[in-house]
Protein backbone atom coordinates (compact mmCIF):
# COMPACT_ATOMS: atom_id res chain seq x y z
CA TYR A 1 -20.52 -14.18 27.44
CA GLY A 2 -21.21 -17.28 25.83
CA GLY A 3 -21.98 -18.42 22.40
CA PHE A 4 -23.87 -16.49 19.89
CA ASN A 5 -27.20 -17.89 18.50
CA LEU A 6 -27.15 -18.08 14.76
CA ALA A 7 -29.81 -17.63 12.22
CA MET A 8 -30.51 -17.19 8.47
CA GLU A 9 -32.83 -15.05 7.36
CA ASN A 10 -33.58 -13.47 3.92
CA GLY A 11 -29.90 -14.28 2.74
CA LYS A 12 -28.55 -12.38 5.87
CA MET A 13 -26.75 -14.40 8.83
CA ILE A 14 -27.67 -12.92 11.90
CA TRP A 15 -25.48 -13.44 15.26
CA GLN A 16 -27.27 -12.61 18.51
CA ARG A 17 -26.43 -13.05 22.17
CA PRO A 18 -27.03 -11.25 25.57
CA GLU A 19 -24.46 -9.17 26.89
CA GLU A 20 -24.65 -6.92 30.37
CA GLY A 21 -28.46 -7.29 30.14
CA GLU A 22 -28.54 -5.92 26.56
CA THR A 23 -29.25 -8.04 23.14
CA VAL A 24 -26.19 -7.75 20.74
CA LYS A 25 -27.25 -8.55 17.41
CA VAL A 26 -24.69 -8.34 14.55
CA ILE A 27 -26.41 -8.79 10.85
CA LEU A 28 -23.65 -10.13 8.08
CA LYS A 29 -24.94 -10.01 4.29
CA LYS A 30 -23.14 -11.64 1.73
CA ILE A 31 -21.04 -9.48 -0.36
CA GLU A 32 -20.72 -9.67 -4.51
CA LYS A 33 -17.35 -8.10 -4.61
CA ILE A 34 -14.45 -8.31 -2.44
CA PRO A 35 -13.41 -4.54 -1.74
CA SER A 36 -10.06 -3.80 -3.05
CA SER A 37 -7.29 -2.45 -0.96
CA PRO A 38 -5.52 0.91 -2.03
CA ALA A 39 -2.35 -0.97 -1.88
CA ASN A 40 -3.23 -2.91 -4.68
CA GLY A 41 -2.73 0.44 -6.71
CA LEU A 42 0.84 0.20 -5.78
CA LEU A 43 1.16 -2.71 -7.93
CA GLY A 44 3.31 -2.19 -11.32
CA VAL A 45 6.08 0.20 -12.75
CA TRP A 46 6.44 3.66 -11.77
CA SER A 47 8.93 6.31 -13.54
CA LEU A 48 10.37 8.99 -11.07
CA LYS A 49 9.23 11.90 -11.95
CA SER A 50 10.22 14.67 -9.09
CA VAL A 51 12.25 14.45 -5.72
CA ASP A 52 11.07 16.96 -3.05
CA GLY A 53 9.14 18.98 -5.08
CA LYS A 54 11.71 19.33 -8.12
CA GLU A 55 10.89 17.68 -11.49
CA VAL A 56 13.66 15.22 -12.59
CA ASP A 57 14.56 14.08 -16.15
CA ALA A 58 15.62 10.71 -15.10
CA THR A 59 14.10 8.16 -17.83
CA ASP A 60 16.03 5.49 -16.15
CA ALA A 61 14.85 6.31 -12.74
CA TYR A 62 11.94 3.83 -11.91
CA LEU A 63 10.24 1.74 -8.73
CA HIS A 64 8.84 -1.67 -9.59
CA ILE A 65 6.39 -3.14 -7.04
CA ARG A 66 5.35 -6.63 -7.80
CA TRP A 67 2.75 -8.55 -6.43
CA ASP A 68 5.05 -11.24 -4.51
CA GLN A 69 6.27 -8.54 -2.12
CA ILE A 70 9.47 -7.71 -4.08
CA LEU A 71 10.57 -4.03 -4.79
CA ILE A 72 13.13 -3.02 -7.29
CA ALA A 73 14.22 0.71 -7.21
CA LYS A 74 16.30 2.30 -9.52
CA GLU A 75 17.94 5.78 -9.28
CA SER A 76 19.37 7.75 -12.29
CA GLY A 77 22.92 6.45 -13.15
CA GLU A 78 22.84 3.76 -10.28
CA ASP A 79 22.28 0.18 -10.09
CA ARG A 80 19.20 -1.32 -8.98
CA LYS A 81 18.25 -1.96 -5.62
CA PHE A 82 16.24 -4.80 -4.54
CA GLY A 83 13.89 -5.38 -1.58
CA THR A 84 10.96 -6.53 0.08
CA TYR A 85 7.93 -4.38 1.03
CA LYS A 86 4.90 -4.28 3.35
CA THR A 87 1.90 -2.21 3.41
CA HIS A 88 -0.49 -1.48 6.43
CA GLY A 89 -4.02 -2.77 6.26
CA HIS A 90 -5.66 0.36 7.53
CA ARG A 91 -3.20 3.24 6.70
CA LEU A 92 -1.48 4.14 3.40
CA ASP A 93 1.75 3.28 5.14
CA LEU A 94 4.49 1.54 2.93
CA GLN A 95 7.54 -0.17 4.65
CA ILE A 96 10.39 -0.90 2.29
CA ILE A 97 13.49 -3.13 3.43
CA TYR A 98 16.52 -2.98 0.94
CA TYR A 99 18.61 -6.07 0.85
CA GLU A 100 21.61 -4.34 1.54
CA ASP A 101 24.55 -4.89 4.15
CA PRO A 102 23.44 -3.77 6.26
CA LEU A 103 19.57 -3.93 6.02
CA ARG A 104 18.18 -0.43 5.60
CA GLN A 105 14.55 0.41 5.96
CA GLU A 106 12.42 3.32 4.87
CA ASN A 107 8.71 3.97 6.09
CA TRP A 108 6.73 6.12 3.59
CA LYS A 109 3.24 7.30 3.39
CA TYR A 110 1.84 6.79 -0.25
CA ASP A 111 -1.34 8.45 -1.94
CA PHE A 112 -2.44 8.88 -5.54
CA ASP A 113 -3.44 12.44 -7.08
CA ALA A 114 -6.03 12.88 -9.00
CA GLN A 115 -4.17 11.96 -12.30
CA GLY A 116 -3.37 8.75 -10.86
CA ALA A 117 0.55 9.50 -10.09
CA LEU A 118 2.10 7.73 -7.10
CA LEU A 119 3.28 10.43 -4.10
CA LEU A 120 5.51 8.96 -1.70
CA THR A 121 6.35 11.12 1.40
CA MET A 122 8.36 10.10 4.64
CA GLU A 123 9.93 12.26 7.54
CA LYS A 124 13.18 11.40 8.66
CA GLU A 125 15.22 13.03 11.24
CA GLY A 126 13.02 16.34 10.85
CA LYS A 127 13.83 16.13 6.91
CA LYS A 128 10.75 15.90 4.73
CA ARG A 129 11.10 13.76 1.85
CA ALA A 130 8.77 13.71 -1.21
CA ARG A 131 8.66 11.46 -4.12
CA ARG A 132 6.09 11.55 -7.35
CA TYR A 133 6.01 8.59 -9.94
CA GLU A 134 4.00 8.22 -12.91
CA ARG A 135 2.81 4.64 -14.04
CA ILE A 136 4.89 3.47 -16.95
CA ASN A 137 4.13 0.30 -18.98
CA GLN A 138 7.51 -1.40 -18.83
CA ILE A 139 10.64 -1.22 -17.41
CA PRO A 140 13.20 1.11 -18.86
CA ARG A 141 16.05 -0.15 -20.53
């Protein structure tokens, strides 16, 4: 189609070119604030509150999702598990790969309820799994 003609008008950048007999016009304006990703809400330390809809009393079970793509998961009475995570840019998908032998991958859907709790859901081999976490301010000892 060829390149765009570029113009600046009233603080807007305008890109324009003909395509198949029609004029295509793209108008861009400067943003004041970079939009945030829902995945930013995942960062922090989360205390496990329920598994598959059943409340749990596990003060030592937590999920620590760090800014550097490192994840630390602790189940009640078990050792910590380390791994990495990746979020999808357009869907509320959370992929976790645990540093185990062999490597283990989990694919969760995430969301937040009205109180800000983290909701993780997964379907694996026809079985649905769900976990609910609440944000806490420090890693349980």
